[in-house]
Amino acid sequence: MDTNTVYEDGTYLQNNPTWHEEDSQWKATQIYRMINKNNVNPSTVCEIGCGAGEILTCLSNSYGLNVSFTGYEISPQAFEICKKKEKQNLKFFLKDMIDESDISFDIVMAIDVFEHIEDYFGFLRKFGKKGKYKLFHIPLDLTVSSVLRSSPIINSRSLAGHIHYFTKETALATLKDTGYEVVDFEYTKGALEIPKQDLKTNLLKLPRKLLYSIHQDLTARILGGFSLLVLAK
C-alpha cells in the first residue's frame, strides 16, 4: 500500500467522504482537557495530517485569538475543505510539514496519524523535533476481539488506512523507543461517547461501560473501542 497515494489521489476521501468531521468536536474536547490538566499554556499549536481541519477549528474557538493554530495536510481533497475554514488565528498548508526545516511550535499534534505511515519510526523521530510538547491520539486496534474475528483489523486497513496496530503498551513503548518522554496518557472512550455509532458498537456499549468501570485496561484489551491520548515531550 502506497500510504501517500491514497490520500493524494482521492481514494481516502472516497472511503471516508466526511473525513471524520463528525468526530472532531469530541476529539477536540479530549485534547483541550489533556492540555489544561497538565497546565500547558501554548501560544502556537500545529496539527500534522489535519484532514478537514475541524479539530483545529474547534480548538481555535476554545482558545481564542491569543493562540495561533496551523494545520498541514498532504491531501488536495482535504485541503480544499480545511482551507475554507481559515481565519485570523487559523491557517492551513498543503504540504508535508515533517521535512520542513526551522519550524517549531509549543504543541504539535498527530491525531490518528502514525498508524497510517509506513515508516512510522522514522516519522516519529522527525516529528519529535517540531515542538516542545507532542500530543498523539492513537487507535488501539489490537484487541482480543479484533484478533479472534479478524474483520475489524481488515476493515480498519481497507477503509481507514491503518497499516499498524497497537495496544496501550505497544503504543507507549513505540513513543519511548523513538525518544519521547511521556508526560501523561489516558484512554479516550470513543465507542461509549461518540453518537451515531453502528449497531454492533451500540449493542456493546453497555458491556463496555460496565467492564470499564471495573477494569479499564482489561476492557480496552478485550472489547476494544478505545484510543490512547498521549502528551509527551
Protein backbone atom coordinates (compact mmCIF):
# COMPACT_ATOMS: atom_id res chain seq x y z
CA MET A 1 0.00 0.00 0.00
CA ASP A 2 1.38 3.40 -1.01
CA THR A 3 0.15 5.33 2.01
CA ASN A 4 0.73 8.78 0.49
CA THR A 5 -1.06 7.96 -2.77
CA VAL A 6 -4.38 7.01 -1.16
CA TYR A 7 -4.57 10.46 0.46
CA GLU A 8 -3.41 12.38 -2.59
CA ASP A 9 -5.45 10.65 -5.31
CA GLY A 10 -8.85 10.84 -3.60
CA THR A 11 -9.09 7.19 -2.51
CA TYR A 12 -9.26 8.06 1.17
CA LEU A 13 -11.97 10.67 0.55
CA GLN A 14 -13.96 8.10 -1.40
CA ASN A 15 -13.85 5.70 1.56
CA ASN A 16 -14.37 8.46 4.14
CA PRO A 17 -16.46 11.20 2.49
CA THR A 18 -16.85 13.28 5.68
CA TRP A 19 -13.14 12.98 6.54
CA HIS A 20 -14.34 12.25 10.11
CA GLU A 21 -15.55 15.80 10.69
CA GLU A 22 -18.39 14.42 12.81
CA ASP A 23 -15.91 13.17 15.45
CA SER A 24 -13.84 16.35 15.58
CA GLN A 25 -15.63 18.21 18.36
CA TRP A 26 -15.36 15.15 20.59
CA LYS A 27 -11.63 14.77 19.83
CA ALA A 28 -11.00 18.48 20.39
CA THR A 29 -12.69 18.22 23.79
CA GLN A 30 -10.34 15.37 24.82
CA ILE A 31 -7.31 17.34 23.61
CA TYR A 32 -8.37 20.56 25.36
CA ARG A 33 -8.88 18.69 28.63
CA MET A 34 -5.48 16.97 28.42
CA ILE A 35 -3.66 20.25 27.77
CA ASN A 36 -5.37 22.03 30.65
CA LYS A 37 -4.93 19.07 33.00
CA ASN A 38 -1.17 19.36 32.56
CA ASN A 39 -1.06 23.16 32.85
CA VAL A 40 0.30 23.65 29.34
CA ASN A 41 -0.35 27.17 28.04
CA PRO A 42 0.52 27.23 24.34
CA SER A 43 0.84 30.23 22.07
CA THR A 44 1.25 28.10 18.93
CA VAL A 45 -0.40 24.79 18.10
CA CYS A 46 0.13 22.71 14.96
CA GLU A 47 -1.56 19.57 13.66
CA ILE A 48 0.09 17.41 11.01
CA GLY A 49 -2.33 15.41 8.90
CA CYS A 50 -5.15 17.75 9.87
CA GLY A 51 -7.66 16.33 7.37
CA ALA A 52 -10.72 18.54 7.09
CA GLY A 53 -9.29 20.86 9.75
CA GLU A 54 -12.26 20.60 12.06
CA ILE A 55 -10.28 19.63 15.19
CA LEU A 56 -8.18 22.78 14.85
CA THR A 57 -11.29 24.82 14.14
CA CYS A 58 -12.89 23.60 17.37
CA LEU A 59 -9.72 24.22 19.37
CA SER A 60 -9.28 27.70 17.91
CA ASN A 61 -12.81 28.53 19.04
CA SER A 62 -11.98 27.36 22.57
CA TYR A 63 -8.72 29.29 22.89
CA GLY A 64 -9.47 32.50 21.03
CA LEU A 65 -7.10 34.86 19.24
CA ASN A 66 -4.25 34.63 21.77
CA VAL A 67 -3.28 31.23 20.39
CA SER A 68 -2.39 30.64 16.73
CA PHE A 69 -3.23 27.33 15.04
CA THR A 70 -1.62 25.80 11.96
CA GLY A 71 -2.63 22.70 10.03
CA TYR A 72 -0.63 20.72 7.48
CA GLU A 73 -2.24 18.24 5.08
CA ILE A 74 -0.98 16.31 2.03
CA SER A 75 -4.39 15.52 0.54
CA PRO A 76 -5.59 18.11 -2.00
CA GLN A 77 -9.18 16.99 -1.36
CA ALA A 78 -8.92 17.52 2.40
CA PHE A 79 -7.09 20.82 1.86
CA GLU A 80 -10.00 22.11 -0.22
CA ILE A 81 -12.22 21.54 2.81
CA CYS A 82 -9.97 22.95 5.52
CA LYS A 83 -8.75 25.96 3.50
CA LYS A 84 -12.28 27.39 3.66
CA LYS A 85 -12.06 27.41 7.47
CA GLU A 86 -9.09 29.76 7.71
CA LYS A 87 -9.43 32.81 9.93
CA GLN A 88 -7.24 35.22 11.85
CA ASN A 89 -5.71 32.63 14.19
CA LEU A 90 -6.04 29.54 11.96
CA LYS A 91 -4.03 28.75 8.81
CA PHE A 92 -3.66 25.64 6.65
CA PHE A 93 -0.91 24.47 4.27
CA LEU A 94 -0.92 21.81 1.56
CA LYS A 95 2.46 20.25 2.29
CA ASP A 96 4.25 17.65 4.37
CA MET A 97 5.43 19.51 7.45
CA ILE A 98 7.69 16.68 8.61
CA ASP A 99 10.53 17.67 6.26
CA GLU A 100 10.20 21.41 6.84
CA SER A 101 13.30 22.90 8.49
CA ASP A 102 13.46 25.65 11.11
CA ILE A 103 9.87 25.20 12.22
CA SER A 104 8.65 24.57 15.75
CA PHE A 105 5.51 25.00 17.83
CA ASP A 106 4.57 24.93 21.51
CA ILE A 107 2.37 21.91 20.82
CA VAL A 108 2.48 19.74 17.72
CA MET A 109 -0.24 17.13 17.27
CA ALA A 110 -0.61 13.90 15.33
CA ILE A 111 -4.22 12.85 15.82
CA ASP A 112 -4.85 9.35 14.44
CA VAL A 113 -1.86 9.68 12.12
CA PHE A 114 1.17 7.44 12.58
CA GLU A 115 -0.78 4.17 12.28
CA HIS A 116 -1.14 5.18 8.60
CA ILE A 117 2.55 5.76 7.92
CA GLU A 118 4.79 3.03 6.51
CA ASP A 119 7.98 4.17 8.27
CA TYR A 120 6.33 5.32 11.46
CA PHE A 121 9.55 5.09 13.49
CA GLY A 122 11.26 7.50 11.07
CA PHE A 123 8.22 9.77 11.15
CA LEU A 124 8.16 9.87 14.95
CA ARG A 125 11.86 10.71 15.21
CA LYS A 126 11.40 13.70 12.88
CA PHE A 127 8.08 14.72 14.39
CA GLY A 128 9.59 14.96 17.86
CA LYS A 129 11.75 17.91 16.76
CA LYS A 130 8.76 20.01 15.70
CA GLY A 131 7.50 21.11 19.09
CA LYS A 132 8.14 21.37 22.81
CA TYR A 133 5.09 19.26 23.60
CA LYS A 134 3.76 16.50 21.38
CA LEU A 135 0.20 15.24 21.52
CA PHE A 136 -0.91 11.95 19.98
CA HIS A 137 -4.24 10.20 19.58
CA ILE A 138 -3.63 6.54 18.78
CA PRO A 139 -6.34 3.99 17.89
CA LEU A 140 -5.98 0.75 19.86
CA ASP A 141 -6.97 -1.66 17.10
CA LEU A 142 -5.21 -4.71 18.53
CA THR A 143 -7.64 -6.42 20.90
CA VAL A 144 -8.77 -9.93 21.77
CA SER A 145 -12.00 -9.29 19.87
CA SER A 146 -10.27 -7.95 16.73
CA VAL A 147 -7.79 -10.83 16.62
CA LEU A 148 -10.46 -13.50 17.07
CA ARG A 149 -12.74 -12.02 14.39
CA SER A 150 -10.03 -10.52 12.14
CA SER A 151 -12.58 -8.47 10.19
CA PRO A 152 -12.17 -5.32 12.37
CA ILE A 153 -8.47 -5.14 11.53
CA ILE A 154 -9.06 -5.82 7.84
CA ASN A 155 -11.76 -3.15 7.76
CA SER A 156 -9.55 -0.59 9.51
CA ARG A 157 -6.86 -1.38 6.94
CA SER A 158 -9.02 -1.16 3.82
CA LEU A 159 -11.36 1.67 4.86
CA ALA A 160 -9.46 3.75 7.41
CA GLY A 161 -5.96 3.11 6.05
CA HIS A 162 -4.48 1.73 9.26
CA ILE A 163 -1.40 -0.37 8.47
CA HIS A 164 -0.03 -0.64 12.03
CA TYR A 165 -1.98 -1.86 15.04
CA PHE A 166 -1.40 -1.03 18.69
CA THR A 167 -2.27 -1.86 22.26
CA LYS A 168 -1.76 0.69 25.02
CA GLU A 169 1.52 -0.98 25.92
CA THR A 170 2.97 -1.13 22.41
CA ALA A 171 1.87 2.46 21.65
CA LEU A 172 3.67 3.80 24.72
CA ALA A 173 6.71 1.62 24.05
CA THR A 174 6.89 2.95 20.48
CA LEU A 175 6.98 6.54 21.71
CA LYS A 176 9.66 5.77 24.28
CA ASP A 177 11.71 3.84 21.68
CA THR A 178 11.69 6.91 19.42
CA GLY A 179 12.91 9.29 22.09
CA TYR A 180 9.79 10.68 23.73
CA GLU A 181 9.24 11.36 27.41
CA VAL A 182 5.61 10.53 28.15
CA VAL A 183 4.10 13.21 30.38
CA ASP A 184 0.54 11.90 30.63
CA PHE A 185 -1.81 9.49 28.90
CA GLU A 186 -5.39 8.34 29.15
CA TYR A 187 -7.93 6.25 27.29
CA THR A 188 -10.46 8.06 25.15
CA LYS A 189 -13.82 6.30 25.08
CA GLY A 190 -14.99 6.76 21.52
CA ALA A 191 -17.18 3.67 21.49
CA LEU A 192 -19.01 4.95 24.58
CA GLU A 193 -19.18 8.67 23.90
CA ILE A 194 -19.36 9.35 20.15
CA PRO A 195 -23.01 9.46 18.99
CA LYS A 196 -24.45 7.76 15.90
CA GLN A 197 -22.40 4.57 16.11
CA ASP A 198 -23.18 1.44 14.11
CA LEU A 199 -25.49 -1.24 15.52
CA LYS A 200 -22.70 -3.55 16.72
CA THR A 201 -20.99 -0.73 18.63
CA ASN A 202 -24.27 0.30 20.23
CA LEU A 203 -25.00 -3.28 21.31
CA LEU A 204 -21.60 -3.48 23.01
CA LYS A 205 -21.97 -0.11 24.72
CA LEU A 206 -23.46 -1.43 27.96
CA PRO A 207 -20.98 -4.32 28.49
CA ARG A 208 -18.11 -1.96 27.63
CA LYS A 209 -19.36 0.61 30.13
CA LEU A 210 -19.84 -1.93 32.91
CA LEU A 211 -16.49 -3.64 32.42
CA TYR A 212 -14.69 -0.31 32.02
CA SER A 213 -15.96 0.80 35.42
CA ILE A 214 -14.31 -2.29 36.91
CA HIS A 215 -11.07 -2.57 34.91
CA GLN A 216 -10.12 -0.09 32.20
CA ASP A 217 -7.12 -1.94 30.76
CA LEU A 218 -8.98 -5.24 30.55
CA THR A 219 -11.91 -3.64 28.74
CA ALA A 220 -9.65 -1.95 26.16
CA ARG A 221 -7.65 -5.16 25.69
CA ILE A 222 -10.67 -7.47 25.23
CA LEU A 223 -13.55 -5.47 23.74
CA GLY A 224 -11.76 -2.53 22.10
CA GLY A 225 -13.45 0.69 21.09
CA PHE A 226 -10.85 2.86 22.80
CA SER A 227 -7.92 5.02 21.75
CA LEU A 228 -4.96 6.42 23.66
CA LEU A 229 -4.38 10.15 24.10
CA VAL A 230 -0.74 10.87 24.95
CA LEU A 231 1.02 14.09 25.91
CA ALA A 232 4.80 13.84 25.54
CA LYS A 233 7.99 15.88 25.39
